[in-house]
């Protein structure tokens, strides 16, 4: 069974990047915040699940690879 999560940047400040994410590319029902200094993420609904972890890990991987926080993307496995 494939697992897919989509995400898009909502806002960015000097300290934080906020993303909407979800399993439906037309309906991002959840949000997470990345702390730029520590590269740690917090999910706004307090539901730490596979979808959140997948989005968070992909965001960190893309940031490490590119040196910038991505505007949008997806992770599939």
N, C-alpha and C. Protein backbone atom coordinates (compact mmCIF):
# COMPACT_ATOMS: atom_id res chain seq x y z
N UNK A 1 0.84 -1.18 0.00
CA UNK A 1 0.00 0.00 0.00
C UNK A 1 0.89 1.25 0.00
N UNK A 2 0.61 2.17 -0.89
CA UNK A 2 1.39 3.41 -0.98
C UNK A 2 0.90 4.43 0.04
N UNK A 3 1.85 5.20 0.53
CA UNK A 3 1.53 6.30 1.44
C UNK A 3 2.00 7.58 0.78
N UNK A 4 1.10 8.54 0.63
CA UNK A 4 1.42 9.81 -0.01
C UNK A 4 0.97 10.94 0.89
N UNK A 5 1.80 11.96 0.98
CA UNK A 5 1.43 13.19 1.70
C UNK A 5 1.87 14.37 0.84
N UNK A 6 1.00 15.36 0.76
CA UNK A 6 1.26 16.59 0.00
C UNK A 6 1.40 17.74 0.99
N UNK A 7 2.18 18.77 0.60
CA UNK A 7 2.33 19.94 1.47
C UNK A 7 2.56 21.20 0.64
N UNK A 8 2.21 22.33 1.22
CA UNK A 8 2.48 23.63 0.59
C UNK A 8 2.72 24.66 1.68
N UNK A 9 3.61 25.59 1.38
CA UNK A 9 3.98 26.64 2.34
C UNK A 9 2.84 27.63 2.47
N UNK A 10 2.51 27.96 3.72
CA UNK A 10 1.46 28.93 4.03
C UNK A 10 2.08 30.29 4.36
N UNK A 11 3.13 30.26 5.20
CA UNK A 11 3.79 31.50 5.59
C UNK A 11 5.21 31.20 6.05
N UNK A 12 6.03 32.26 6.08
CA UNK A 12 7.41 32.13 6.53
C UNK A 12 7.85 33.42 7.20
N UNK A 13 8.47 33.28 8.37
CA UNK A 13 9.08 34.40 9.08
C UNK A 13 10.56 34.09 9.24
N UNK A 14 11.29 34.93 9.95
CA UNK A 14 12.70 34.67 10.18
C UNK A 14 12.92 33.42 11.02
N UNK A 15 11.95 33.07 11.86
CA UNK A 15 12.10 31.94 12.78
C UNK A 15 11.34 30.68 12.37
N UNK A 16 10.20 30.82 11.70
CA UNK A 16 9.29 29.70 11.46
C UNK A 16 8.82 29.62 10.02
N UNK A 17 8.48 28.40 9.60
CA UNK A 17 7.81 28.18 8.32
C UNK A 17 6.57 27.35 8.61
N UNK A 18 5.42 27.80 8.13
CA UNK A 18 4.19 27.07 8.35
C UNK A 18 3.74 26.41 7.04
N UNK A 19 3.33 25.15 7.15
CA UNK A 19 2.87 24.38 6.00
C UNK A 19 1.49 23.81 6.26
N UNK A 20 0.70 23.75 5.20
CA UNK A 20 -0.53 22.96 5.20
C UNK A 20 -0.15 21.62 4.59
N UNK A 21 -0.74 20.53 5.07
CA UNK A 21 -0.41 19.22 4.52
C UNK A 21 -1.60 18.28 4.64
N UNK A 22 -1.54 17.20 3.87
CA UNK A 22 -2.59 16.19 3.92
C UNK A 22 -2.41 15.15 2.83
N UNK A 23 -3.30 14.19 2.83
CA UNK A 23 -3.23 13.09 1.86
C UNK A 23 -3.97 13.41 0.56
N UNK A 24 -4.73 14.48 0.54
CA UNK A 24 -5.48 14.90 -0.64
C UNK A 24 -4.89 16.22 -1.15
N UNK A 25 -4.37 16.26 -2.37
CA UNK A 25 -3.75 17.49 -2.86
C UNK A 25 -4.73 18.65 -3.05
N UNK A 26 -6.01 18.37 -3.00
CA UNK A 26 -7.02 19.41 -3.13
C UNK A 26 -7.57 19.87 -1.78
N UNK A 27 -7.19 19.17 -0.71
CA UNK A 27 -7.73 19.49 0.62
C UNK A 27 -6.65 19.27 1.68
N UNK A 28 -5.87 20.32 1.93
CA UNK A 28 -4.84 20.26 2.98
C UNK A 28 -5.52 20.58 4.30
N UNK A 29 -5.90 19.55 5.03
CA UNK A 29 -6.69 19.75 6.23
C UNK A 29 -5.90 20.00 7.50
N UNK A 30 -4.58 19.88 7.43
CA UNK A 30 -3.77 20.01 8.65
C UNK A 30 -2.64 21.00 8.43
N UNK A 31 -2.03 21.43 9.55
CA UNK A 31 -0.91 22.37 9.47
C UNK A 31 0.22 21.94 10.40
N UNK A 32 1.43 22.26 9.96
CA UNK A 32 2.59 22.05 10.81
C UNK A 32 3.50 23.27 10.71
N UNK A 33 4.29 23.46 11.74
CA UNK A 33 5.22 24.58 11.81
C UNK A 33 6.63 24.03 11.98
N UNK A 34 7.54 24.51 11.14
CA UNK A 34 8.95 24.12 11.23
C UNK A 34 9.72 25.25 11.91
N UNK A 35 10.47 24.93 12.93
CA UNK A 35 11.38 25.87 13.58
C UNK A 35 12.67 25.88 12.76
N UNK A 36 13.01 27.03 12.18
CA UNK A 36 14.16 27.09 11.29
C UNK A 36 15.49 26.83 12.00
N UNK A 37 15.61 27.28 13.22
CA UNK A 37 16.88 27.13 13.95
C UNK A 37 17.16 25.66 14.29
N UNK A 38 16.15 24.95 14.75
CA UNK A 38 16.36 23.57 15.20
C UNK A 38 15.91 22.53 14.17
N UNK A 39 15.20 22.98 13.12
CA UNK A 39 14.62 22.07 12.11
C UNK A 39 13.68 21.05 12.75
N UNK A 40 13.00 21.46 13.80
CA UNK A 40 12.00 20.59 14.42
C UNK A 40 10.62 21.07 14.00
N UNK A 41 9.68 20.15 14.01
CA UNK A 41 8.33 20.48 13.57
C UNK A 41 7.32 20.23 14.67
N UNK A 42 6.24 20.99 14.59
CA UNK A 42 5.12 20.85 15.52
C UNK A 42 3.85 20.81 14.70
N UNK A 43 3.01 19.84 14.99
CA UNK A 43 1.74 19.72 14.29
C UNK A 43 0.69 20.47 15.10
N UNK A 44 -0.14 21.26 14.45
CA UNK A 44 -1.08 22.12 15.17
C UNK A 44 -2.23 21.38 15.82
N UNK A 45 -2.59 20.21 15.29
CA UNK A 45 -3.71 19.48 15.90
C UNK A 45 -3.25 18.46 16.95
N UNK A 46 -1.96 18.45 17.27
CA UNK A 46 -1.36 17.57 18.29
C UNK A 46 -1.47 16.09 17.94
N UNK A 47 -1.80 15.76 16.70
CA UNK A 47 -1.92 14.37 16.25
C UNK A 47 -0.62 13.97 15.55
N UNK A 48 0.31 13.39 16.31
CA UNK A 48 1.57 12.93 15.74
C UNK A 48 1.34 11.54 15.15
N UNK A 49 1.20 11.50 13.83
CA UNK A 49 0.91 10.25 13.14
C UNK A 49 1.83 10.11 11.93
N UNK A 50 1.62 9.04 11.17
CA UNK A 50 2.47 8.75 10.02
C UNK A 50 2.46 9.89 8.99
N UNK A 51 1.31 10.47 8.75
CA UNK A 51 1.20 11.55 7.76
C UNK A 51 2.03 12.76 8.18
N UNK A 52 1.91 13.15 9.44
CA UNK A 52 2.70 14.28 9.95
C UNK A 52 4.19 13.97 9.87
N UNK A 53 4.60 12.79 10.33
CA UNK A 53 6.02 12.43 10.33
C UNK A 53 6.58 12.38 8.92
N UNK A 54 5.80 11.87 7.98
CA UNK A 54 6.22 11.79 6.58
C UNK A 54 6.42 13.19 5.99
N UNK A 55 5.48 14.09 6.24
CA UNK A 55 5.61 15.47 5.76
C UNK A 55 6.82 16.16 6.38
N UNK A 56 6.96 16.03 7.69
CA UNK A 56 8.06 16.67 8.40
C UNK A 56 9.42 16.18 7.90
N UNK A 57 9.56 14.89 7.74
CA UNK A 57 10.84 14.32 7.27
C UNK A 57 11.17 14.76 5.85
N UNK A 58 10.16 14.80 4.99
CA UNK A 58 10.39 15.22 3.61
C UNK A 58 10.78 16.70 3.55
N UNK A 59 10.10 17.53 4.34
CA UNK A 59 10.45 18.95 4.39
C UNK A 59 11.89 19.15 4.83
N UNK A 60 12.30 18.45 5.88
CA UNK A 60 13.69 18.57 6.34
C UNK A 60 14.67 18.07 5.30
N UNK A 61 14.34 16.97 4.62
CA UNK A 61 15.23 16.44 3.58
C UNK A 61 15.40 17.43 2.42
N UNK A 62 14.29 18.02 1.98
CA UNK A 62 14.36 19.01 0.90
C UNK A 62 15.12 20.25 1.33
N UNK A 63 14.92 20.68 2.57
CA UNK A 63 15.65 21.85 3.07
C UNK A 63 17.15 21.57 3.11
N UNK A 64 17.53 20.40 3.58
CA UNK A 64 18.95 20.02 3.63
C UNK A 64 19.54 19.95 2.23
N UNK A 65 18.80 19.38 1.30
CA UNK A 65 19.26 19.22 -0.08
C UNK A 65 19.39 20.55 -0.82
N UNK A 66 18.42 21.44 -0.64
CA UNK A 66 18.35 22.67 -1.44
C UNK A 66 18.82 23.93 -0.72
N UNK A 67 18.81 23.89 0.61
CA UNK A 67 19.22 25.07 1.38
C UNK A 67 18.10 26.09 1.56
N UNK A 68 16.91 25.78 1.07
CA UNK A 68 15.75 26.65 1.25
C UNK A 68 14.55 25.77 1.61
N UNK A 69 13.55 26.40 2.22
CA UNK A 69 12.33 25.67 2.55
C UNK A 69 11.45 25.62 1.30
N UNK A 70 11.00 24.43 0.90
CA UNK A 70 10.25 24.31 -0.35
C UNK A 70 8.88 25.01 -0.29
N UNK A 71 8.42 25.45 -1.44
CA UNK A 71 7.11 26.07 -1.56
C UNK A 71 6.01 25.03 -1.48
N UNK A 72 6.26 23.87 -2.08
CA UNK A 72 5.28 22.78 -2.09
C UNK A 72 6.00 21.51 -2.43
N UNK A 73 5.30 20.39 -2.25
CA UNK A 73 5.90 19.12 -2.60
C UNK A 73 5.05 17.96 -2.14
N UNK A 74 5.64 16.78 -2.24
CA UNK A 74 4.97 15.57 -1.82
C UNK A 74 5.99 14.52 -1.44
N UNK A 75 5.52 13.54 -0.71
CA UNK A 75 6.36 12.39 -0.37
C UNK A 75 5.53 11.14 -0.60
N UNK A 76 6.10 10.20 -1.30
CA UNK A 76 5.41 8.94 -1.59
C UNK A 76 6.33 7.78 -1.25
N UNK A 77 5.74 6.75 -0.69
CA UNK A 77 6.53 5.54 -0.41
C UNK A 77 5.64 4.33 -0.56
